[in-house]
Amino acid sequence: MAEAVARSLGLDASSAGLSASEGAPATPEALEAGASRGLDLSAHRSRPLSAELVDESDQILTMTEDHKSALLRRFPQANVRLLADHDIEDPYGSSLETYLSTLDSLSTHLHHFLATQP
């Protein structure tokens, strides 16, 4: 969902996870939450974070401090920043309401991120 929001704001963004499998589609809840906010996640497929993706990235935003720490342990050269001043928990396996709340939080914090960039 973060990738879809970032792209809707004109950012060149891609999503990858430290524990993600390759090629899984967005969950039905993510699809519905995105659609309710005008975002199409139907083409999304998960992928694991790789050294190549890290090296190609100008900056990596994480949703939690644990993700940031784990990423830096695996890829110490990465330019990593926590998206918010608090953790934004992954809604995977949660209700649609949780997905909507997470999506709104991602949108708020990505707008702020964009506004604070030079």
PDB file of N, CA and C in Angstrom:
ATOM      1  N   MET A   1       0.822  -1.182   0.000  1.00  0.00           N
ATOM      2  CA  MET A   1       0.000   0.000   0.000  1.00  0.00           C
ATOM      3  C   MET A   1       0.869   1.250   0.000  1.00  0.00           C
ATOM      4  N   ALA A   2       2.001   1.186   0.711  1.00  0.00           N
ATOM      5  CA  ALA A   2       2.888   2.354   0.753  1.00  0.00           C
ATOM      6  C   ALA A   2       3.408   2.696  -0.634  1.00  0.00           C
ATOM      7  N   GLU A   3       3.749   1.693  -1.408  1.00  0.00           N
ATOM      8  CA  GLU A   3       4.222   1.952  -2.770  1.00  0.00           C
ATOM      9  C   GLU A   3       3.148   2.655  -3.589  1.00  0.00           C
ATOM     10  N   ALA A   4       1.911   2.182  -3.496  1.00  0.00           N
ATOM     11  CA  ALA A   4       0.824   2.792  -4.270  1.00  0.00           C
ATOM     12  C   ALA A   4       0.595   4.242  -3.855  1.00  0.00           C
ATOM     13  N   VAL A   5       0.642   4.514  -2.564  1.00  0.00           N
ATOM     14  CA  VAL A   5       0.481   5.892  -2.099  1.00  0.00           C
ATOM     15  C   VAL A   5       1.638   6.746  -2.602  1.00  0.00           C
ATOM     16  N   ALA A   6       2.866   6.248  -2.439  1.00  0.00           N
ATOM     17  CA  ALA A   6       4.050   7.004  -2.867  1.00  0.00           C
ATOM     18  C   ALA A   6       3.984   7.313  -4.359  1.00  0.00           C
ATOM     19  N   ARG A   7       3.610   6.345  -5.155  1.00  0.00           N
ATOM     20  CA  ARG A   7       3.511   6.570  -6.600  1.00  0.00           C
ATOM     21  C   ARG A   7       2.418   7.583  -6.932  1.00  0.00           C
ATOM     22  N   SER A   8       1.319   7.544  -6.163  1.00  0.00           N
ATOM     23  CA  SER A   8       0.242   8.507  -6.408  1.00  0.00           C
ATOM     24  C   SER A   8       0.689   9.931  -6.092  1.00  0.00           C
ATOM     25  N   LEU A   9       1.751  10.059  -5.293  1.00  0.00           N
ATOM     26  CA  LEU A   9       2.304  11.368  -4.952  1.00  0.00           C
ATOM     27  C   LEU A   9       3.448  11.765  -5.876  1.00  0.00           C
ATOM     28  N   GLY A  10       3.703  10.950  -6.888  1.00  0.00           N
ATOM     29  CA  GLY A  10       4.735  11.260  -7.864  1.00  0.00           C
ATOM     30  C   GLY A  10       6.122  10.766  -7.517  1.00  0.00           C
ATOM     31  N   LEU A  11       6.240   9.956  -6.474  1.00  0.00           N
ATOM     32  CA  LEU A  11       7.543   9.408  -6.105  1.00  0.00           C
ATOM     33  C   LEU A  11       7.846   8.152  -6.916  1.00  0.00           C
ATOM     34  N   ASP A  12       9.093   7.958  -7.241  1.00  0.00           N
ATOM     35  CA  ASP A  12       9.548   6.719  -7.876  1.00  0.00           C
ATOM     36  C   ASP A  12       9.812   5.735  -6.747  1.00  0.00           C
ATOM     37  N   ALA A  13       8.851   4.878  -6.484  1.00  0.00           N
ATOM     38  CA  ALA A  13       8.917   4.008  -5.311  1.00  0.00           C
ATOM     39  C   ALA A  13       8.654   2.566  -5.694  1.00  0.00           C
ATOM     40  N   SER A  14       9.252   1.674  -4.919  1.00  0.00           N
ATOM     41  CA  SER A  14       8.950   0.255  -5.058  1.00  0.00           C
ATOM     42  C   SER A  14       8.974  -0.372  -3.682  1.00  0.00           C
ATOM     43  N   SER A  15       8.252  -1.439  -3.552  1.00  0.00           N
ATOM     44  CA  SER A  15       8.095  -2.104  -2.271  1.00  0.00           C
ATOM     45  C   SER A  15       8.829  -3.429  -2.279  1.00  0.00           C
ATOM     46  N   ALA A  16       9.484  -3.721  -1.164  1.00  0.00           N
ATOM     47  CA  ALA A  16      10.139  -5.016  -0.980  1.00  0.00           C
ATOM     48  C   ALA A  16      10.193  -5.280   0.514  1.00  0.00           C
ATOM     49  N   GLY A  17      10.246  -6.540   0.878  1.00  0.00           N
ATOM     50  CA  GLY A  17      10.246  -6.878   2.301  1.00  0.00           C
ATOM     51  C   GLY A  17      11.400  -7.771   2.681  1.00  0.00           C
ATOM     52  N   LEU A  18      11.797  -7.675   3.929  1.00  0.00           N
ATOM     53  CA  LEU A  18      12.884  -8.507   4.431  1.00  0.00           C
ATOM     54  C   LEU A  18      12.501  -9.983   4.480  1.00  0.00           C
ATOM     55  N   SER A  19      11.226 -10.257   4.700  1.00  0.00           N
ATOM     56  CA  SER A  19      10.751 -11.644   4.775  1.00  0.00           C
ATOM     57  C   SER A  19       9.719 -11.954   3.705  1.00  0.00           C
ATOM     58  N   ALA A  20       9.620 -11.115   2.709  1.00  0.00           N
ATOM     59  CA  ALA A  20       8.587 -11.278   1.681  1.00  0.00           C
ATOM     60  C   ALA A  20       8.893 -12.449   0.758  1.00  0.00           C
ATOM     61  N   SER A  21       7.840 -13.122   0.350  1.00  0.00           N
ATOM     62  CA  SER A  21       7.974 -14.142  -0.683  1.00  0.00           C
ATOM     63  C   SER A  21       7.928 -13.453  -2.043  1.00  0.00           C
ATOM     64  N   GLU A  22       8.280 -14.177  -3.062  1.00  0.00           N
ATOM     65  CA  GLU A  22       8.292 -13.624  -4.416  1.00  0.00           C
ATOM     66  C   GLU A  22       6.949 -13.854  -5.086  1.00  0.00           C
ATOM     67  N   GLY A  23       6.308 -12.757  -5.527  1.00  0.00           N
ATOM     68  CA  GLY A  23       5.161 -12.867  -6.406  1.00  0.00           C
ATOM     69  C   GLY A  23       3.788 -12.968  -5.786  1.00  0.00           C
ATOM     70  N   ALA A  24       3.658 -12.807  -4.472  1.00  0.00           N
ATOM     71  CA  ALA A  24       2.326 -12.892  -3.860  1.00  0.00           C
ATOM     72  C   ALA A  24       1.541 -11.613  -4.167  1.00  0.00           C
ATOM     73  N   PRO A  25       0.259 -11.745  -4.509  1.00  0.00           N
ATOM     74  CA  PRO A  25      -0.551 -10.544  -4.780  1.00  0.00           C
ATOM     75  C   PRO A  25      -0.931  -9.846  -3.484  1.00  0.00           C
ATOM     76  N   ALA A  26      -1.427  -8.635  -3.612  1.00  0.00           N
ATOM     77  CA  ALA A  26      -1.960  -7.903  -2.461  1.00  0.00           C
ATOM     78  C   ALA A  26      -3.147  -8.672  -1.895  1.00  0.00           C
ATOM     79  N   THR A  27      -3.328  -8.564  -0.598  1.00  0.00           N
ATOM     80  CA  THR A  27      -4.452  -9.246   0.042  1.00  0.00           C
ATOM     81  C   THR A  27      -5.770  -8.616  -0.410  1.00  0.00           C
ATOM     82  N   PRO A  28      -6.860  -9.366  -0.282  1.00  0.00           N
ATOM     83  CA  PRO A  28      -8.167  -8.786  -0.621  1.00  0.00           C
ATOM     84  C   PRO A  28      -8.455  -7.507   0.165  1.00  0.00           C
ATOM     85  N   GLU A  29      -8.034  -7.458   1.433  1.00  0.00           N
ATOM     86  CA  GLU A  29      -8.257  -6.270   2.251  1.00  0.00           C
ATOM     87  C   GLU A  29      -7.441  -5.086   1.731  1.00  0.00           C
ATOM     88  N   ALA A  30      -6.206  -5.339   1.313  1.00  0.00           N
ATOM     89  CA  ALA A  30      -5.380  -4.260   0.753  1.00  0.00           C
ATOM     90  C   ALA A  30      -5.980  -3.757  -0.554  1.00  0.00           C
ATOM     91  N   LEU A  31      -6.456  -4.669  -1.382  1.00  0.00           N
ATOM     92  CA  LEU A  31      -7.097  -4.280  -2.639  1.00  0.00           C
ATOM     93  C   LEU A  31      -8.315  -3.399  -2.367  1.00  0.00           C
ATOM     94  N   GLU A  32      -9.146  -3.820  -1.412  1.00  0.00           N
ATOM     95  CA  GLU A  32     -10.363  -3.065  -1.104  1.00  0.00           C
ATOM     96  C   GLU A  32     -10.032  -1.714  -0.465  1.00  0.00           C
ATOM     97  N   ALA A  33      -9.082  -1.712   0.467  1.00  0.00           N
ATOM     98  CA  ALA A  33      -8.692  -0.453   1.104  1.00  0.00           C
ATOM     99  C   ALA A  33      -8.137   0.511   0.066  1.00  0.00           C
ATOM    100  N   GLY A  34      -7.265   0.012  -0.791  1.00  0.00           N
ATOM    101  CA  GLY A  34      -6.704   0.859  -1.836  1.00  0.00           C
ATOM    102  C   GLY A  34      -7.772   1.406  -2.757  1.00  0.00           C
ATOM    103  N   ALA A  35      -8.663   0.546  -3.193  1.00  0.00           N
ATOM    104  CA  ALA A  35      -9.729   0.977  -4.107  1.00  0.00           C
ATOM    105  C   ALA A  35     -10.587   2.060  -3.467  1.00  0.00           C
ATOM    106  N   SER A  36     -10.834   1.954  -2.167  1.00  0.00           N
ATOM    107  CA  SER A  36     -11.660   2.959  -1.494  1.00  0.00           C
ATOM    108  C   SER A  36     -10.967   4.318  -1.429  1.00  0.00           C
ATOM    109  N   ARG A  37      -9.650   4.333  -1.658  1.00  0.00           N
ATOM    110  CA  ARG A  37      -8.884   5.586  -1.652  1.00  0.00           C
ATOM    111  C   ARG A  37      -8.366   5.935  -3.043  1.00  0.00           C
ATOM    112  N   GLY A  38      -8.927   5.257  -4.060  1.00  0.00           N
ATOM    113  CA  GLY A  38      -8.562   5.563  -5.441  1.00  0.00           C
ATOM    114  C   GLY A  38      -7.248   4.962  -5.897  1.00  0.00           C
ATOM    115  N   LEU A  39      -6.773   3.931  -5.207  1.00  0.00           N
ATOM    116  CA  LEU A  39      -5.508   3.286  -5.550  1.00  0.00           C
ATOM    117  C   LEU A  39      -5.763   1.888  -6.084  1.00  0.00           C
ATOM    118  N   ASP A  40      -5.111   1.535  -7.173  1.00  0.00           N
ATOM    119  CA  ASP A  40      -5.251   0.208  -7.772  1.00  0.00           C
ATOM    120  C   ASP A  40      -4.035  -0.633  -7.409  1.00  0.00           C
ATOM    121  N   LEU A  41      -4.220  -1.615  -6.561  1.00  0.00           N
ATOM    122  CA  LEU A  41      -3.132  -2.494  -6.143  1.00  0.00           C
ATOM    123  C   LEU A  41      -3.187  -3.854  -6.852  1.00  0.00           C
ATOM    124  N   SER A  42      -4.005  -3.971  -7.888  1.00  0.00           N
ATOM    125  CA  SER A  42      -4.215  -5.274  -8.528  1.00  0.00           C
ATOM    126  C   SER A  42      -2.955  -5.841  -9.177  1.00  0.00           C
ATOM    127  N   ALA A  43      -2.047  -4.996  -9.608  1.00  0.00           N
ATOM    128  CA  ALA A  43      -0.811  -5.487 -10.246  1.00  0.00           C
ATOM    129  C   ALA A  43       0.309  -5.739  -9.241  1.00  0.00           C
ATOM    130  N   HIS A  44       0.097  -5.384  -7.977  1.00  0.00           N
ATOM    131  CA  HIS A  44       1.156  -5.536  -6.975  1.00  0.00           C
ATOM    132  C   HIS A  44       1.525  -7.008  -6.786  1.00  0.00           C
ATOM    133  N   ARG A  45       2.812  -7.262  -6.696  1.00  0.00           N
ATOM    134  CA  ARG A  45       3.344  -8.578  -6.352  1.00  0.00           C
ATOM    135  C   ARG A  45       4.485  -8.364  -5.369  1.00  0.00           C
ATOM    136  N   SER A  46       4.512  -9.169  -4.331  1.00  0.00           N
ATOM    137  CA  SER A  46       5.551  -9.025  -3.315  1.00  0.00           C
ATOM    138  C   SER A  46       6.903  -9.477  -3.863  1.00  0.00           C
ATOM    139  N   ARG A  47       7.956  -8.950  -3.221  1.00  0.00           N
ATOM    140  CA  ARG A  47       9.296  -9.398  -3.565  1.00  0.00           C
ATOM    141  C   ARG A  47      10.207  -9.163  -2.373  1.00  0.00           C
ATOM    142  N   PRO A  48      11.202 -10.015  -2.253  1.00  0.00           N
ATOM    143  CA  PRO A  48      12.155  -9.845  -1.153  1.00  0.00           C
ATOM    144  C   PRO A  48      13.137  -8.716  -1.452  1.00  0.00           C
ATOM    145  N   LEU A  49      13.599  -8.071  -0.405  1.00  0.00           N
ATOM    146  CA  LEU A  49      14.614  -7.037  -0.551  1.00  0.00           C
ATOM    147  C   LEU A  49      15.948  -7.695  -0.867  1.00  0.00           C
ATOM    148  N   SER A  50      16.642  -7.157  -1.844  1.00  0.00           N
ATOM    149  CA  SER A  50      17.936  -7.710  -2.257  1.00  0.00           C
ATOM    150  C   SER A  50      19.012  -6.634  -2.169  1.00  0.00           C
ATOM    151  N   ALA A  51      20.249  -7.062  -2.192  1.00  0.00           N
ATOM    152  CA  ALA A  51      21.370  -6.113  -2.195  1.00  0.00           C
ATOM    153  C   ALA A  51      21.289  -5.203  -3.410  1.00  0.00           C
ATOM    154  N   GLU A  52      20.868  -5.745  -4.541  1.00  0.00           N
ATOM    155  CA  GLU A  52      20.737  -4.932  -5.754  1.00  0.00           C
ATOM    156  C   GLU A  52      19.710  -3.817  -5.573  1.00  0.00           C
ATOM    157  N   LEU A  53      18.556  -4.151  -4.989  1.00  0.00           N
ATOM    158  CA  LEU A  53      17.531  -3.131  -4.745  1.00  0.00           C
ATOM    159  C   LEU A  53      18.030  -2.069  -3.769  1.00  0.00           C
ATOM    160  N   VAL A  54      18.744  -2.488  -2.748  1.00  0.00           N
ATOM    161  CA  VAL A  54      19.295  -1.537  -1.785  1.00  0.00           C
ATOM    162  C   VAL A  54      20.266  -0.594  -2.479  1.00  0.00           C
ATOM    163  N   ASP A  55      21.150  -1.157  -3.296  1.00  0.00           N
ATOM    164  CA  ASP A  55      22.153  -0.340  -3.977  1.00  0.00           C
ATOM    165  C   ASP A  55      21.531   0.629  -4.978  1.00  0.00           C
ATOM    166  N   GLU A  56      20.391   0.272  -5.555  1.00  0.00           N
ATOM    167  CA  GLU A  56      19.713   1.133  -6.525  1.00  0.00           C
ATOM    168  C   GLU A  56      18.861   2.217  -5.860  1.00  0.00           C
ATOM    169  N   SER A  57      18.657   2.113  -4.558  1.00  0.00           N
ATOM    170  CA  SER A  57      17.746   3.017  -3.852  1.00  0.00           C
ATOM    171  C   SER A  57      18.466   4.250  -3.329  1.00  0.00           C
ATOM    172  N   ASP A  58      17.844   5.409  -3.544  1.00  0.00           N
ATOM    173  CA  ASP A  58      18.361   6.640  -2.956  1.00  0.00           C
ATOM    174  C   ASP A  58      18.092   6.653  -1.462  1.00  0.00           C
ATOM    175  N   GLN A  59      16.919   6.193  -1.078  1.00  0.00           N
ATOM    176  CA  GLN A  59      16.520   6.157   0.324  1.00  0.00           C
ATOM    177  C   GLN A  59      15.506   5.040   0.506  1.00  0.00           C
ATOM    178  N   ILE A  60      15.586   4.389   1.661  1.00  0.00           N
ATOM    179  CA  ILE A  60      14.643   3.327   1.997  1.00  0.00           C
ATOM    180  C   ILE A  60      13.869   3.768   3.226  1.00  0.00           C
ATOM    181  N   LEU A  61      12.554   3.690   3.131  1.00  0.00           N
ATOM    182  CA  LEU A  61      11.684   4.031   4.250  1.00  0.00           C
ATOM    183  C   LEU A  61      11.130   2.752   4.845  1.00  0.00           C
ATOM    184  N   THR A  62      11.201   2.645   6.163  1.00  0.00           N
ATOM    185  CA  THR A  62      10.634   1.474   6.829  1.00  0.00           C
ATOM    186  C   THR A  62       9.452   1.900   7.686  1.00  0.00           C
ATOM    187  N   MET A  63       8.589   0.941   7.963  1.00  0.00           N
ATOM    188  CA  MET A  63       7.401   1.209   8.759  1.00  0.00           C
ATOM    189  C   MET A  63       7.658   1.034  10.250  1.00  0.00           C
ATOM    190  N   THR A  64       8.679   0.227  10.624  1.00  0.00           N
ATOM    191  CA  THR A  64       8.960   0.000  12.041  1.00  0.00           C
ATOM    192  C   THR A  64      10.454   0.121  12.321  1.00  0.00           C
ATOM    193  N   GLU A  65      10.754   0.440  13.559  1.00  0.00           N
ATOM    194  CA  GLU A  65      12.150   0.516  13.998  1.00  0.00           C
ATOM    195  C   GLU A  65      12.824  -0.851  13.879  1.00  0.00           C
ATOM    196  N   ASP A  66      12.089  -1.929  14.178  1.00  0.00           N
ATOM    197  CA  ASP A  66      12.652  -3.280  14.038  1.00  0.00           C
ATOM    198  C   ASP A  66      13.047  -3.565  12.592  1.00  0.00           C
ATOM    199  N   HIS A  67      12.205  -3.151  11.640  1.00  0.00           N
ATOM    200  CA  HIS A  67      12.543  -3.346  10.220  1.00  0.00           C
ATOM    201  C   HIS A  67      13.785  -2.548   9.850  1.00  0.00           C
ATOM    202  N   LYS A  68      13.867  -1.322  10.342  1.00  0.00           N
ATOM    203  CA  LYS A  68      15.030  -0.486  10.064  1.00  0.00           C
ATOM    204  C   LYS A  68      16.302  -1.144  10.604  1.00  0.00           C
ATOM    205  N   SER A  69      16.259  -1.615  11.837  1.00  0.00           N
ATOM    206  CA  SER A  69      17.429  -2.257  12.450  1.00  0.00           C
ATOM    207  C   SER A  69      17.820  -3.534  11.708  1.00  0.00           C
ATOM    208  N   ALA A  70      16.836  -4.351  11.373  1.00  0.00           N
ATOM    209  CA  ALA A  70      17.121  -5.599  10.652  1.00  0.00           C
ATOM    210  C   ALA A  70      17.697  -5.315   9.273  1.00  0.00           C
ATOM    211  N   LEU A  71      17.166  -4.323   8.610  1.00  0.00           N
ATOM    212  CA  LEU A  71      17.660  -3.955   7.280  1.00  0.00           C
ATOM    213  C   LEU A  71      19.110  -3.486   7.366  1.00  0.00           C
ATOM    214  N   LEU A  72      19.410  -2.662   8.361  1.00  0.00           N
ATOM    215  CA  LEU A  72      20.777  -2.162   8.495  1.00  0.00           C
ATOM    216  C   LEU A  72      21.763  -3.261   8.898  1.00  0.00           C
ATOM    217  N   ARG A  73      21.287  -4.261   9.628  1.00  0.00           N
ATOM    218  CA  ARG A  73      22.169  -5.402   9.938  1.00  0.00           C
ATOM    219  C   ARG A  73      22.534  -6.162   8.663  1.00  0.00           C
ATOM    220  N   ARG A  74      21.583  -6.329   7.771  1.00  0.00           N
ATOM    221  CA  ARG A  74      21.833  -7.062   6.518  1.00  0.00           C
ATOM    222  C   ARG A  74      22.510  -6.207   5.463  1.00  0.00           C
ATOM    223  N   PHE A  75      22.170  -4.915   5.447  1.00  0.00           N
ATOM    224  CA  PHE A  75      22.679  -4.008   4.417  1.00  0.00           C
ATOM    225  C   PHE A  75      23.169  -2.719   5.072  1.00  0.00           C
ATOM    226  N   PRO A  76      24.334  -2.755   5.710  1.00  0.00           N
ATOM    227  CA  PRO A  76      24.806  -1.573   6.451  1.00  0.00           C
ATOM    228  C   PRO A  76      25.026  -0.344   5.578  1.00  0.00           C
ATOM    229  N   GLN A  77      25.153  -0.529   4.283  1.00  0.00           N
ATOM    230  CA  GLN A  77      25.368   0.590   3.370  1.00  0.00           C
ATOM    231  C   GLN A  77      24.078   1.321   3.023  1.00  0.00           C
ATOM    232  N   ALA A  78      22.934   0.802   3.436  1.00  0.00           N
ATOM    233  CA  ALA A  78      21.638   1.358   3.043  1.00  0.00           C
ATOM    234  C   ALA A  78      21.378   2.705   3.709  1.00  0.00           C
ATOM    235  N   ASN A  79      20.751   3.592   2.955  1.00  0.00           N
ATOM    236  CA  ASN A  79      20.285   4.880   3.472  1.00  0.00           C
ATOM    237  C   ASN A  79      18.845   4.664   3.929  1.00  0.00           C
ATOM    238  N   VAL A  80      18.665   4.421   5.228  1.00  0.00           N
ATOM    239  CA  VAL A  80      17.370   4.003   5.763  1.00  0.00           C
ATOM    240  C   VAL A  80      16.834   5.042   6.728  1.00  0.00           C
ATOM    241  N   ARG A  81      15.526   5.242   6.634  1.00  0.00           N
ATOM    242  CA  ARG A  81      14.839   6.180   7.519  1.00  0.00           C
ATOM    243  C   ARG A  81      13.501   5.571   7.923  1.00  0.00           C
ATOM    244  N   LEU A  82      13.126   5.775   9.168  1.00  0.00           N
ATOM    245  CA  LEU A  82      11.809   5.376   9.641  1.00  0.00           C
ATOM    246  C   LEU A  82      10.793   6.373   9.083  1.00  0.00           C
ATOM    247  N   LEU A  83       9.722   5.883   8.489  1.00  0.00           N
ATOM    248  CA  LEU A  83       8.745   6.753   7.835  1.00  0.00           C
ATOM    249  C   LEU A  83       8.083   7.717   8.813  1.00  0.00           C
ATOM    250  N   ALA A  84       7.752   7.245   9.987  1.00  0.00           N
ATOM    251  CA  ALA A  84       7.067   8.075  10.979  1.00  0.00           C
ATOM    252  C   ALA A  84       7.904   8.124  12.255  1.00  0.00           C
ATOM    253  N   ASP A  85       7.459   8.913  13.206  1.00  0.00           N
ATOM    254  CA  ASP A  85       8.163   8.962  14.491  1.00  0.00           C
ATOM    255  C   ASP A  85       7.682   7.853  15.430  1.00  0.00           C
ATOM    256  N   HIS A  86       6.939   6.932  14.879  1.00  0.00           N
ATOM    257  CA  HIS A  86       6.451   5.761  15.614  1.00  0.00           C
ATOM    258  C   HIS A  86       6.290   4.618  14.610  1.00  0.00           C
ATOM    259  N   ASP A  87       6.172   3.409  15.125  1.00  0.00           N
ATOM    260  CA  ASP A  87       5.978   2.264  14.239  1.00  0.00           C
ATOM    261  C   ASP A  87       4.593   2.292  13.606  1.00  0.00           C
ATOM    262  N   ILE A  88       4.545   1.920  12.338  1.00  0.00           N
ATOM    263  CA  ILE A  88       3.290   1.697  11.631  1.00  0.00           C
ATOM    264  C   ILE A  88       3.242   0.190  11.386  1.00  0.00           C
ATOM    265  N   GLU A  89       2.393  -0.486  12.102  1.00  0.00           N
ATOM    266  CA  GLU A  89       2.360  -1.949  12.043  1.00  0.00           C
ATOM    267  C   GLU A  89       1.765  -2.446  10.735  1.00  0.00           C
ATOM    268  N   ASP A  90       2.290  -3.540  10.256  1.00  0.00           N
ATOM    269  CA  ASP A  90       1.787  -4.194   9.054  1.00  0.00           C
ATOM    270  C   ASP A  90       0.393  -4.747   9.359  1.00  0.00           C
ATOM    271  N   PRO A  91      -0.592  -4.418   8.547  1.00  0.00           N
ATOM    272  CA  PRO A  91      -1.950  -4.883   8.829  1.00  0.00           C
ATOM    273  C   PRO A  91      -2.233  -6.318   8.381  1.00  0.00           C
ATOM    274  N   TYR A  92      -1.247  -6.994   7.815  1.00  0.00           N
ATOM    275  CA  TYR A  92      -1.459  -8.332   7.259  1.00  0.00           C
ATOM    276  C   TYR A  92      -2.219  -9.214   8.249  1.00  0.00           C
ATOM    277  N   GLY A  93      -3.312  -9.796   7.780  1.00  0.00           N
ATOM    278  CA  GLY A  93      -4.121 -10.686   8.601  1.00  0.00           C
ATOM    279  C   GLY A  93      -5.156  -9.978   9.453  1.00  0.00           C
ATOM    280  N   SER A  94      -5.224  -8.667   9.337  1.00  0.00           N
ATOM    281  CA  SER A  94      -6.157  -7.883  10.139  1.00  0.00           C
ATOM    282  C   SER A  94      -7.431  -7.570   9.354  1.00  0.00           C
ATOM    283  N   SER A  95      -8.290  -6.823   9.993  1.00  0.00           N
ATOM    284  CA  SER A  95      -9.568  -6.457   9.394  1.00  0.00           C
ATOM    285  C   SER A  95      -9.395  -5.361   8.342  1.00  0.00           C
ATOM    286  N   LEU A  96     -10.432  -5.175   7.555  1.00  0.00           N
ATOM    287  CA  LEU A  96     -10.443  -4.100   6.566  1.00  0.00           C
ATOM    288  C   LEU A  96     -10.258  -2.753   7.255  1.00  0.00           C
ATOM    289  N   GLU A  97     -10.879  -2.574   8.401  1.00  0.00           N
ATOM    290  CA  GLU A  97     -10.747  -1.311   9.129  1.00  0.00           C
ATOM    291  C   GLU A  97      -9.289  -1.030   9.487  1.00  0.00           C
ATOM    292  N   THR A  98      -8.543  -2.059   9.855  1.00  0.00           N
ATOM    293  CA  THR A  98      -7.128  -1.893  10.174  1.00  0.00           C
ATOM    294  C   THR A  98      -6.347  -1.529   8.922  1.00  0.00           C
ATOM    295  N   TYR A  99      -6.656  -2.166   7.811  1.00  0.00           N
ATOM    296  CA  TYR A  99      -6.003  -1.816   6.543  1.00  0.00           C
ATOM    297  C   TYR A  99      -6.275  -0.360   6.174  1.00  0.00           C
ATOM    298  N   LEU A 100      -7.518   0.079   6.330  1.00  0.00           N
ATOM    299  CA  LEU A 100      -7.868   1.471   6.021  1.00  0.00           C
ATOM    300  C   LEU A 100      -7.111   2.435   6.927  1.00  0.00           C
ATOM    301  N   SER A 101      -7.037   2.129   8.197  1.00  0.00           N
ATOM    302  CA  SER A 101      -6.318   2.975   9.141  1.00  0.00           C
ATOM    303  C   SER A 101      -4.828   3.036   8.788  1.00  0.00           C
ATOM    304  N   THR A 102      -4.255   1.874   8.451  1.00  0.00           N
ATOM    305  CA  THR A 102      -2.841   1.825   8.061  1.00  0.00           C
ATOM    306  C   THR A 102      -2.616   2.615   6.783  1.00  0.00           C
ATOM    307  N   LEU A 103      -3.493   2.459   5.822  1.00  0.00           N
ATOM    308  CA  LEU A 103      -3.367   3.191   4.563  1.00  0.00           C
ATOM    309  C   LEU A 103      -3.434   4.703   4.799  1.00  0.00           C
ATOM    310  N   ASP A 104      -4.344   5.138   5.639  1.00  0.00           N
ATOM    311  CA  ASP A 104      -4.444   6.565   5.943  1.00  0.00           C
ATOM    312  C   ASP A 104      -3.187   7.066   6.647  1.00  0.00           C
ATOM    313  N   SER A 105      -2.643   6.261   7.552  1.00  0.00           N
ATOM    314  CA  SER A 105      -1.411   6.641   8.243  1.00  0.00           C
ATOM    315  C   SER A 105      -0.244   6.723   7.259  1.00  0.00           C
ATOM    316  N   LEU A 106      -0.135   5.750   6.373  1.00  0.00           N
ATOM    317  CA  LEU A 106       0.917   5.786   5.355  1.00  0.00           C
ATOM    318  C   LEU A 106       0.794   7.034   4.493  1.00  0.00           C
ATOM    319  N   SER A 107      -0.423   7.364   4.102  1.00  0.00           N
ATOM    320  CA  SER A 107      -0.644   8.542   3.272  1.00  0.00           C
ATOM    321  C   SER A 107      -0.217   9.811   4.001  1.00  0.00           C
ATOM    322  N   THR A 108      -0.616   9.939   5.238  1.00  0.00           N
ATOM    323  CA  THR A 108      -0.252  11.119   6.039  1.00  0.00           C
ATOM    324  C   THR A 108       1.264  11.255   6.131  1.00  0.00           C
ATOM    325  N   HIS A 109       1.933  10.169   6.465  1.00  0.00           N
ATOM    326  CA  HIS A 109       3.378  10.234   6.680  1.00  0.00           C
ATOM    327  C   HIS A 109       4.153  10.366   5.373  1.00  0.00           C
ATOM    328  N   LEU A 110       3.646   9.814   4.290  1.00  0.00           N
ATOM    329  CA  LEU A 110       4.313  10.016   2.997  1.00  0.00           C
ATOM    330  C   LEU A 110       4.135  11.446   2.498  1.00  0.00           C
ATOM    331  N   HIS A 111       2.980  12.042   2.749  1.00  0.00           N
ATOM    332  CA  HIS A 111       2.802  13.465   2.427  1.00  0.00           C
ATOM    333  C   HIS A 111       3.815  14.310   3.204  1.00  0.00           C
ATOM    334  N   HIS A 112       3.969  14.005   4.483  1.00  0.00           N
ATOM    335  CA  HIS A 112       4.928  14.740   5.316  1.00  0.00           C
ATOM    336  C   HIS A 112       6.351  14.521   4.809  1.00  0.00           C
ATOM    337  N   PHE A 113       6.692  13.288   4.482  1.00  0.00           N
ATOM    338  CA  PHE A 113       8.020  12.982   3.947  1.00  0.00           C
ATOM    339  C   PHE A 113       8.293  13.816   2.706  1.00  0.00           C
ATOM    340  N   LEU A 114       7.344  13.848   1.799  1.00  0.00           N
ATOM    341  CA  LEU A 114       7.503  14.588   0.559  1.00  0.00           C
ATOM    342  C   LEU A 114       7.650  16.083   0.830  1.00  0.00           C
ATOM    343  N   ALA A 115       6.908  16.601   1.783  1.00  0.00           N
ATOM    344  CA  ALA A 115       6.956  18.027   2.100  1.00  0.00           C
ATOM    345  C   ALA A 115       8.290  18.436   2.743  1.00  0.00           C
ATOM    346  N   THR A 116       8.999  17.481   3.345  1.00  0.00           N
ATOM    347  CA  THR A 116      10.251  17.810   4.036  1.00  0.00           C
ATOM    348  C   THR A 116      11.486  17.523   3.195  1.00  0.00           C
ATOM    349  N   GLN A 117      11.294  17.067   1.960  1.00  0.00           N
ATOM    350  CA  GLN A 117      12.435  16.786   1.095  1.00  0.00           C
ATOM    351  C   GLN A 117      12.870  18.036   0.361  1.00  0.00           C
ATOM    352  N   PRO A 118      14.179  18.205   0.205  1.00  0.00           N
ATOM    353  CA  PRO A 118      14.668  19.391  -0.525  1.00  0.00           C
ATOM    354  C   PRO A 118      14.283  19.370  -1.991  1.00  0.00           C
TER     355      PRO A 118
END
